[in-house]
Amino acid sequence: MNILVVNDDGINAIGIKILATKLLKYGNVYVVSPDRGRSAASHKVILHKPLTFEHVDVIEGAKCYQTSGMPADCVRLANIILDVDFDIVISGVNDGLNLGTDIIYSGTCAGAREGVIEGIPGVAISTDFKAFDIVEKELDNVLELVFNNKLYSKDYVLNINFPISKFNESKGIKVARQGDKIFTSIFTEIDTNLYAVANEEEIHDQNEDTDVYLADNGYITLVPVKIDSTDYKSLEKLNNLLQN
């Protein structure tokens, strides 16, 4: 199996080193990562300037490369330059959860999503900020579940999140739906026409079948996320209105 590992935290991030090392037993591991942090880049790609792509020795046993591009660029470049038929793209382990509406902003999820767009199963994995102890302890079990049951697919991104950092170990693994995690940013003026985020408030989904609720309550969550964002109920309603 040929495994492509990407992230948005950069080539020297702890999460990608843990992930790539634990994946070595499943096949050939190729790491392509931004040369610096690209958090919250969403699905941005670089179109109008050249991108660097160079080999680096940073993770023993894996073939590693860094690029000046974004997480989605990592997949696009790897598919062309490395001339490898990848069986799966796994993005992470991100330093910061990607729950609910986080996935809209997430470069980690975009890396896995670009894989699916290009016909390769995509998996995104994230943990709470600086909460890598639980990843070290429980990632092997998560990967075994994913690979042994072939939970990855060309039809969706499998978005995996560890629980919030107050939990030293998980209560188990749950399949969930994407919930709501709404940010309200408060900006302060620090100079003329210059503003910075002073505070952010979060509203967390309280529905017990959502990834947001389950992560808040100690579970590792698995959410299949589709590329197609069409609201089919509204599509039918709009079609009916226009046909009358």
C-alpha atoms as a PDB file:
ATOM      1  CA  MET A   1       0.000   0.000   0.000  1.00  0.00           C
ATOM      2  CA  ASN A   2       1.205   3.497  -0.879  1.00  0.00           C
ATOM      3  CA  ILE A   3       0.207   6.033   1.768  1.00  0.00           C
ATOM      4  CA  LEU A   4       0.432   9.792   1.297  1.00  0.00           C
ATOM      5  CA  VAL A   5       0.646  11.786   4.541  1.00  0.00           C
ATOM      6  CA  VAL A   6       0.018  15.550   4.512  1.00  0.00           C
ATOM      7  CA  ASN A   7      -0.821  18.220   7.084  1.00  0.00           C
ATOM      8  CA  ASP A   8      -1.258  21.951   7.612  1.00  0.00           C
ATOM      9  CA  ASP A   9       1.079  22.402  10.607  1.00  0.00           C
ATOM     10  CA  GLY A  10       4.294  22.074   8.616  1.00  0.00           C
ATOM     11  CA  ILE A  11       6.950  19.465   7.970  1.00  0.00           C
ATOM     12  CA  ASN A  12       8.431  19.649  11.489  1.00  0.00           C
ATOM     13  CA  ALA A  13       5.137  19.308  13.368  1.00  0.00           C
ATOM     14  CA  ILE A  14       4.921  16.621  16.024  1.00  0.00           C
ATOM     15  CA  GLY A  15       1.587  15.317  14.734  1.00  0.00           C
ATOM     16  CA  ILE A  16       2.802  14.382  11.265  1.00  0.00           C
ATOM     17  CA  LYS A  17       5.843  12.604  12.729  1.00  0.00           C
ATOM     18  CA  ILE A  18       3.668  10.502  15.037  1.00  0.00           C
ATOM     19  CA  LEU A  19       1.243   9.678  12.222  1.00  0.00           C
ATOM     20  CA  ALA A  20       3.833   8.801   9.592  1.00  0.00           C
ATOM     21  CA  THR A  21       5.804   6.619  11.994  1.00  0.00           C
ATOM     22  CA  LYS A  22       2.728   4.642  13.057  1.00  0.00           C
ATOM     23  CA  LEU A  23       1.696   4.150   9.415  1.00  0.00           C
ATOM     24  CA  LEU A  24       4.961   2.481   8.388  1.00  0.00           C
ATOM     25  CA  LYS A  25       3.619  -0.975   9.209  1.00  0.00           C
ATOM     26  CA  TYR A  26       0.797  -0.509   6.691  1.00  0.00           C
ATOM     27  CA  GLY A  27       2.908   0.214   3.617  1.00  0.00           C
ATOM     28  CA  ASN A  28       5.144   2.723   1.877  1.00  0.00           C
ATOM     29  CA  VAL A  29       4.795   6.126   3.526  1.00  0.00           C
ATOM     30  CA  TYR A  30       5.316   9.344   1.581  1.00  0.00           C
ATOM     31  CA  VAL A  31       5.132  12.634   3.476  1.00  0.00           C
ATOM     32  CA  VAL A  32       4.446  15.884   1.625  1.00  0.00           C
ATOM     33  CA  SER A  33       3.955  18.863   3.901  1.00  0.00           C
ATOM     34  CA  PRO A  34       4.033  22.652   3.822  1.00  0.00           C
ATOM     35  CA  ASP A  35       7.423  24.073   4.764  1.00  0.00           C
ATOM     36  CA  ARG A  36       5.708  26.116   7.492  1.00  0.00           C
ATOM     37  CA  GLY A  37       2.367  26.264   9.274  1.00  0.00           C
ATOM     38  CA  ARG A  38      -0.689  26.743   7.072  1.00  0.00           C
ATOM     39  CA  SER A  39      -3.443  26.422   9.658  1.00  0.00           C
ATOM     40  CA  ALA A  40      -6.931  27.607   8.685  1.00  0.00           C
ATOM     41  CA  ALA A  41      -5.905  27.739   5.020  1.00  0.00           C
ATOM     42  CA  SER A  42      -9.065  25.831   4.106  1.00  0.00           C
ATOM     43  CA  HIS A  43      -8.906  24.521   0.508  1.00  0.00           C
ATOM     44  CA  LYS A  44      -6.699  27.300  -0.820  1.00  0.00           C
ATOM     45  CA  VAL A  45      -4.311  26.379  -3.635  1.00  0.00           C
ATOM     46  CA  ILE A  46      -1.488  28.403  -5.167  1.00  0.00           C
ATOM     47  CA  LEU A  47      -2.111  29.080  -8.862  1.00  0.00           C
ATOM     48  CA  HIS A  48      -0.174  32.157  -9.937  1.00  0.00           C
ATOM     49  CA  LYS A  49       3.338  31.654  -8.619  1.00  0.00           C
ATOM     50  CA  PRO A  50       5.865  28.783  -8.630  1.00  0.00           C
ATOM     51  CA  LEU A  51       5.916  26.276  -5.787  1.00  0.00           C
ATOM     52  CA  THR A  52       8.984  24.732  -4.204  1.00  0.00           C
ATOM     53  CA  PHE A  53       9.147  20.950  -3.758  1.00  0.00           C
ATOM     54  CA  GLU A  54      12.221  19.444  -2.133  1.00  0.00           C
ATOM     55  CA  HIS A  55      13.293  16.237  -0.437  1.00  0.00           C
ATOM     56  CA  VAL A  56      14.022  16.427   3.298  1.00  0.00           C
ATOM     57  CA  ASP A  57      15.136  13.780   5.807  1.00  0.00           C
ATOM     58  CA  VAL A  58      12.947  14.336   8.833  1.00  0.00           C
ATOM     59  CA  ILE A  59      11.056  11.080   9.535  1.00  0.00           C
ATOM     60  CA  GLU A  60      12.945   7.791   9.586  1.00  0.00           C
ATOM     61  CA  GLY A  61      11.463   5.184   7.253  1.00  0.00           C
ATOM     62  CA  ALA A  62       9.348   7.642   5.272  1.00  0.00           C
ATOM     63  CA  LYS A  63      10.136   9.516   2.075  1.00  0.00           C
ATOM     64  CA  CYS A  64       9.602  13.159   2.991  1.00  0.00           C
ATOM     65  CA  TYR A  65       9.184  16.331   0.970  1.00  0.00           C
ATOM     66  CA  GLN A  66       8.321  19.929   1.803  1.00  0.00           C
ATOM     67  CA  THR A  67       6.649  22.558  -0.348  1.00  0.00           C
ATOM     68  CA  SER A  68       5.844  26.244  -0.222  1.00  0.00           C
ATOM     69  CA  GLY A  69       2.267  25.314  -1.109  1.00  0.00           C
ATOM     70  CA  MET A  70      -0.889  24.750   0.885  1.00  0.00           C
ATOM     71  CA  PRO A  71      -2.193  21.425   2.263  1.00  0.00           C
ATOM     72  CA  ALA A  72      -4.299  20.808  -0.857  1.00  0.00           C
ATOM     73  CA  ASP A  73      -1.233  21.622  -2.973  1.00  0.00           C
ATOM     74  CA  CYS A  74       0.652  18.856  -1.159  1.00  0.00           C
ATOM     75  CA  VAL A  75      -1.712  16.288  -2.659  1.00  0.00           C
ATOM     76  CA  ARG A  76      -1.769  17.907  -6.081  1.00  0.00           C
ATOM     77  CA  LEU A  77       2.037  18.064  -6.273  1.00  0.00           C
ATOM     78  CA  ALA A  78       2.561  14.558  -4.884  1.00  0.00           C
ATOM     79  CA  ASN A  79       0.283  13.033  -7.507  1.00  0.00           C
ATOM     80  CA  ILE A  80       2.247  14.629 -10.342  1.00  0.00           C
ATOM     81  CA  ILE A  81       5.832  14.806  -9.156  1.00  0.00           C
ATOM     82  CA  LEU A  82       6.232  11.554  -7.231  1.00  0.00           C
ATOM     83  CA  ASP A  83       4.620   9.354  -9.909  1.00  0.00           C
ATOM     84  CA  VAL A  84       3.138   7.017  -7.278  1.00  0.00           C
ATOM     85  CA  ASP A  85      -0.314   5.439  -7.305  1.00  0.00           C
ATOM     86  CA  PHE A  86      -1.504   6.367  -3.836  1.00  0.00           C
ATOM     87  CA  ASP A  87      -4.036   4.121  -2.124  1.00  0.00           C
ATOM     88  CA  ILE A  88      -4.947   6.610   0.596  1.00  0.00           C
ATOM     89  CA  VAL A  89      -4.269  10.180   1.751  1.00  0.00           C
ATOM     90  CA  ILE A  90      -4.130  10.734   5.502  1.00  0.00           C
ATOM     91  CA  SER A  91      -3.907  14.298   6.782  1.00  0.00           C
ATOM     92  CA  GLY A  92      -2.737  15.205  10.296  1.00  0.00           C
ATOM     93  CA  VAL A  93      -2.415  14.694  13.114  1.00  0.00           C
ATOM     94  CA  ASN A  94      -3.511  18.300  13.429  1.00  0.00           C
ATOM     95  CA  ASP A  95      -2.636  20.383  16.485  1.00  0.00           C
ATOM     96  CA  GLY A  96      -6.177  21.526  17.178  1.00  0.00           C
ATOM     97  CA  LEU A  97      -9.551  19.858  16.818  1.00  0.00           C
ATOM     98  CA  ASN A  98     -11.489  19.981  13.553  1.00  0.00           C
ATOM     99  CA  LEU A  99     -15.015  19.382  14.750  1.00  0.00           C
ATOM    100  CA  GLY A 100     -18.287  20.479  13.257  1.00  0.00           C
ATOM    101  CA  THR A 101     -17.991  23.705  11.307  1.00  0.00           C
ATOM    102  CA  ASP A 102     -14.205  23.743  11.894  1.00  0.00           C
ATOM    103  CA  ILE A 103     -13.893  21.657   8.739  1.00  0.00           C
ATOM    104  CA  ILE A 104     -14.820  24.681   6.607  1.00  0.00           C
ATOM    105  CA  TYR A 105     -11.676  26.495   7.741  1.00  0.00           C
ATOM    106  CA  SER A 106      -9.403  23.493   8.150  1.00  0.00           C
ATOM    107  CA  GLY A 107      -6.337  22.948   5.984  1.00  0.00           C
ATOM    108  CA  THR A 108      -6.071  19.465   7.506  1.00  0.00           C
ATOM    109  CA  CYS A 109      -9.501  18.480   6.214  1.00  0.00           C
ATOM    110  CA  ALA A 110      -8.702  20.123   2.866  1.00  0.00           C
ATOM    111  CA  GLY A 111      -5.700  17.844   2.407  1.00  0.00           C
ATOM    112  CA  ALA A 112      -7.866  14.757   2.833  1.00  0.00           C
ATOM    113  CA  ARG A 113     -10.636  16.328   0.726  1.00  0.00           C
ATOM    114  CA  GLU A 114      -8.240  16.987  -2.152  1.00  0.00           C
ATOM    115  CA  GLY A 115      -7.415  13.296  -2.081  1.00  0.00           C
ATOM    116  CA  VAL A 116     -11.081  12.376  -2.525  1.00  0.00           C
ATOM    117  CA  ILE A 117     -11.474  14.985  -5.267  1.00  0.00           C
ATOM    118  CA  GLU A 118      -8.588  13.320  -7.100  1.00  0.00           C
ATOM    119  CA  GLY A 119     -10.049   9.833  -6.658  1.00  0.00           C
ATOM    120  CA  ILE A 120      -8.033   8.738  -3.603  1.00  0.00           C
ATOM    121  CA  PRO A 121      -9.656   7.863  -0.260  1.00  0.00           C
ATOM    122  CA  GLY A 122      -9.033  10.630   2.264  1.00  0.00           C
ATOM    123  CA  VAL A 123      -8.783  10.595   6.066  1.00  0.00           C
ATOM    124  CA  ALA A 124      -8.250  13.628   8.339  1.00  0.00           C
ATOM    125  CA  ILE A 125      -7.082  13.222  11.948  1.00  0.00           C
ATOM    126  CA  SER A 126      -6.974  15.943  14.615  1.00  0.00           C
ATOM    127  CA  THR A 127      -6.422  16.342  18.352  1.00  0.00           C
ATOM    128  CA  ASP A 128      -6.896  19.175  20.816  1.00  0.00           C
ATOM    129  CA  PHE A 129      -4.135  21.777  21.119  1.00  0.00           C
ATOM    130  CA  LYS A 130      -0.905  20.199  22.425  1.00  0.00           C
ATOM    131  CA  ALA A 131      -2.838  17.027  23.351  1.00  0.00           C
ATOM    132  CA  PHE A 132      -0.530  14.470  21.752  1.00  0.00           C
ATOM    133  CA  ASP A 133      -0.194  12.094  24.722  1.00  0.00           C
ATOM    134  CA  ILE A 134      -3.581  10.560  23.944  1.00  0.00           C
ATOM    135  CA  VAL A 135      -2.598  10.336  20.263  1.00  0.00           C
ATOM    136  CA  GLU A 136       0.545   8.406  21.162  1.00  0.00           C
ATOM    137  CA  LYS A 137      -1.508   5.997  23.277  1.00  0.00           C
ATOM    138  CA  GLU A 138      -4.591   5.492  21.119  1.00  0.00           C
ATOM    139  CA  LEU A 139      -3.757   6.258  17.479  1.00  0.00           C
ATOM    140  CA  ASP A 140      -2.677   2.659  16.832  1.00  0.00           C
ATOM    141  CA  ASN A 141      -6.158   1.426  17.797  1.00  0.00           C
ATOM    142  CA  VAL A 142      -7.798   4.023  15.578  1.00  0.00           C
ATOM    143  CA  LEU A 143      -5.638   3.134  12.586  1.00  0.00           C
ATOM    144  CA  GLU A 144      -6.258  -0.594  13.090  1.00  0.00           C
ATOM    145  CA  LEU A 145     -10.004   0.050  13.097  1.00  0.00           C
ATOM    146  CA  VAL A 146      -9.780   2.138   9.929  1.00  0.00           C
ATOM    147  CA  PHE A 147      -7.534  -0.230   7.984  1.00  0.00           C
ATOM    148  CA  ASN A 148      -8.940  -3.561   9.183  1.00  0.00           C
ATOM    149  CA  ASN A 149     -12.493  -2.502   8.345  1.00  0.00           C
ATOM    150  CA  LYS A 150     -11.551  -0.388   5.310  1.00  0.00           C
ATOM    151  CA  LEU A 151     -13.437   2.613   6.647  1.00  0.00           C
ATOM    152  CA  TYR A 152     -11.758   4.907   4.117  1.00  0.00           C
ATOM    153  CA  SER A 153     -13.521   5.613   0.830  1.00  0.00           C
ATOM    154  CA  LYS A 154     -13.397   7.583  -2.409  1.00  0.00           C
ATOM    155  CA  ASP A 155     -16.936   8.744  -1.626  1.00  0.00           C
ATOM    156  CA  TYR A 156     -16.248  10.733   1.549  1.00  0.00           C
ATOM    157  CA  VAL A 157     -13.564  12.157   3.810  1.00  0.00           C
ATOM    158  CA  LEU A 158     -13.351  10.259   7.079  1.00  0.00           C
ATOM    159  CA  ASN A 159     -12.880  13.039   9.641  1.00  0.00           C
ATOM    160  CA  ILE A 160     -11.439  11.705  12.905  1.00  0.00           C
ATOM    161  CA  ASN A 161     -11.051  13.714  16.105  1.00  0.00           C
ATOM    162  CA  PHE A 162      -9.687  12.819  19.522  1.00  0.00           C
ATOM    163  CA  PRO A 163     -11.586  14.136  22.577  1.00  0.00           C
ATOM    164  CA  ILE A 164     -10.951  17.504  24.178  1.00  0.00           C
ATOM    165  CA  SER A 165      -7.723  17.790  26.164  1.00  0.00           C
ATOM    166  CA  LYS A 166      -9.144  17.305  29.667  1.00  0.00           C
ATOM    167  CA  PHE A 167      -9.423  13.582  28.884  1.00  0.00           C
ATOM    168  CA  ASN A 168      -6.203  11.577  29.292  1.00  0.00           C
ATOM    169  CA  GLU A 169      -7.836   8.606  27.603  1.00  0.00           C
ATOM    170  CA  SER A 170     -10.916   8.222  25.467  1.00  0.00           C
ATOM    171  CA  LYS A 171     -14.175   6.555  26.444  1.00  0.00           C
ATOM    172  CA  GLY A 172     -14.139   4.761  23.095  1.00  0.00           C
ATOM    173  CA  ILE A 173     -14.780   5.452  19.432  1.00  0.00           C
ATOM    174  CA  LYS A 174     -18.124   6.701  18.111  1.00  0.00           C
ATOM    175  CA  VAL A 175     -19.451   7.265  14.615  1.00  0.00           C
ATOM    176  CA  ALA A 176     -21.112  10.674  14.597  1.00  0.00           C
ATOM    177  CA  ARG A 177     -22.619  13.337  12.411  1.00  0.00           C
ATOM    178  CA  GLN A 178     -21.053  16.740  11.901  1.00  0.00           C
ATOM    179  CA  GLY A 179     -22.296  19.151  14.516  1.00  0.00           C
ATOM    180  CA  ASP A 180     -22.192  22.906  15.018  1.00  0.00           C
ATOM    181  CA  LYS A 181     -19.323  24.779  16.630  1.00  0.00           C
ATOM    182  CA  ILE A 182     -19.969  28.464  16.127  1.00  0.00           C
ATOM    183  CA  PHE A 183     -17.278  31.079  16.703  1.00  0.00           C
ATOM    184  CA  THR A 184     -18.098  34.684  17.570  1.00  0.00           C
ATOM    185  CA  SER A 185     -14.984  36.833  17.252  1.00  0.00           C
ATOM    186  CA  ILE A 186     -14.532  40.099  19.114  1.00  0.00           C
ATOM    187  CA  PHE A 187     -12.141  42.521  17.425  1.00  0.00           C
ATOM    188  CA  THR A 188     -10.270  45.405  18.972  1.00  0.00           C
ATOM    189  CA  GLU A 189      -8.753  48.365  17.141  1.00  0.00           C
ATOM    190  CA  ILE A 190      -5.008  48.375  17.867  1.00  0.00           C
ATOM    191  CA  ASP A 191      -4.140  51.196  15.464  1.00  0.00           C
ATOM    192  CA  THR A 192      -5.859  53.305  12.826  1.00  0.00           C
ATOM    193  CA  ASN A 193      -7.623  50.918  10.448  1.00  0.00           C
ATOM    194  CA  LEU A 194      -5.891  47.973  12.133  1.00  0.00           C
ATOM    195  CA  TYR A 195      -7.867  45.351  14.059  1.00  0.00           C
ATOM    196  CA  ALA A 196      -6.967  42.157  15.887  1.00  0.00           C
ATOM    197  CA  VAL A 197      -9.025  39.355  17.418  1.00  0.00           C
ATOM    198  CA  ALA A 198      -9.300  40.099  21.128  1.00  0.00           C
ATOM    199  CA  ASN A 199     -11.485  37.177  22.108  1.00  0.00           C
ATOM    200  CA  GLU A 200     -13.455  34.319  20.610  1.00  0.00           C
ATOM    201  CA  GLU A 201     -16.557  32.777  22.064  1.00  0.00           C
ATOM    202  CA  GLU A 202     -17.689  29.300  21.061  1.00  0.00           C
ATOM    203  CA  ILE A 203     -21.152  27.776  21.045  1.00  0.00           C
ATOM    204  CA  HIS A 204     -20.999  23.973  21.073  1.00  0.00           C
ATOM    205  CA  ASP A 205     -23.646  21.613  19.726  1.00  0.00           C
ATOM    206  CA  GLN A 206     -25.525  19.822  22.504  1.00  0.00           C
ATOM    207  CA  ASN A 207     -27.031  17.117  20.301  1.00  0.00           C
ATOM    208  CA  GLU A 208     -25.655  13.829  21.584  1.00  0.00           C
ATOM    209  CA  ASP A 209     -25.106  12.289  18.132  1.00  0.00           C
ATOM    210  CA  THR A 210     -22.700  15.021  16.955  1.00  0.00           C
ATOM    211  CA  ASP A 211     -18.918  15.023  16.834  1.00  0.00           C
ATOM    212  CA  VAL A 212     -18.789  18.259  18.845  1.00  0.00           C
ATOM    213  CA  TYR A 213     -20.813  16.867  21.760  1.00  0.00           C
ATOM    214  CA  LEU A 214     -19.067  13.494  21.773  1.00  0.00           C
ATOM    215  CA  ALA A 215     -15.559  15.012  21.712  1.00  0.00           C
ATOM    216  CA  ASP A 216     -16.561  17.299  24.578  1.00  0.00           C
ATOM    217  CA  ASN A 217     -17.611  14.190  26.474  1.00  0.00           C
ATOM    218  CA  GLY A 218     -14.530  12.057  25.968  1.00  0.00           C
ATOM    219  CA  TYR A 219     -15.018  10.124  22.736  1.00  0.00           C
ATOM    220  CA  ILE A 220     -12.959   9.729  19.601  1.00  0.00           C
ATOM    221  CA  THR A 221     -15.288  10.556  16.715  1.00  0.00           C
ATOM    222  CA  LEU A 222     -15.509   9.375  13.117  1.00  0.00           C
ATOM    223  CA  VAL A 223     -17.571  11.460  10.697  1.00  0.00           C
ATOM    224  CA  PRO A 224     -17.962  10.669   6.970  1.00  0.00           C
ATOM    225  CA  VAL A 225     -17.998  14.043   5.194  1.00  0.00           C
ATOM    226  CA  LYS A 226     -19.224  14.328   1.611  1.00  0.00           C
ATOM    227  CA  ILE A 227     -17.691  16.545  -1.059  1.00  0.00           C
ATOM    228  CA  ASP A 228     -21.138  17.315  -2.491  1.00  0.00           C
ATOM    229  CA  SER A 229     -22.601  20.148  -0.381  1.00  0.00           C
ATOM    230  CA  THR A 230     -25.948  20.279  -2.167  1.00  0.00           C
ATOM    231  CA  ASP A 231     -29.013  20.611   0.069  1.00  0.00           C
ATOM    232  CA  TYR A 232     -31.240  18.145  -1.773  1.00  0.00           C
ATOM    233  CA  LYS A 233     -34.437  19.025   0.106  1.00  0.00           C
ATOM    234  CA  SER A 234     -33.999  22.666  -0.867  1.00  0.00           C
ATOM    235  CA  LEU A 235     -33.048  21.643  -4.388  1.00  0.00           C
ATOM    236  CA  GLU A 236     -36.375  19.851  -4.778  1.00  0.00           C
ATOM    237  CA  LYS A 237     -38.247  22.799  -3.281  1.00  0.00           C
ATOM    238  CA  LEU A 238     -36.554  25.290  -5.626  1.00  0.00           C
ATOM    239  CA  ASN A 239     -37.198  23.068  -8.637  1.00  0.00           C
ATOM    240  CA  ASN A 240     -40.878  22.808  -7.723  1.00  0.00           C
ATOM    241  CA  LEU A 241     -41.148  26.578  -7.325  1.00  0.00           C
ATOM    242  CA  LEU A 242     -39.571  27.275 -10.704  1.00  0.00           C
ATOM    243  CA  GLN A 243     -41.689  24.669 -12.477  1.00  0.00           C
ATOM    244  CA  ASN A 244     -44.984  26.181 -11.285  1.00  0.00           C
END
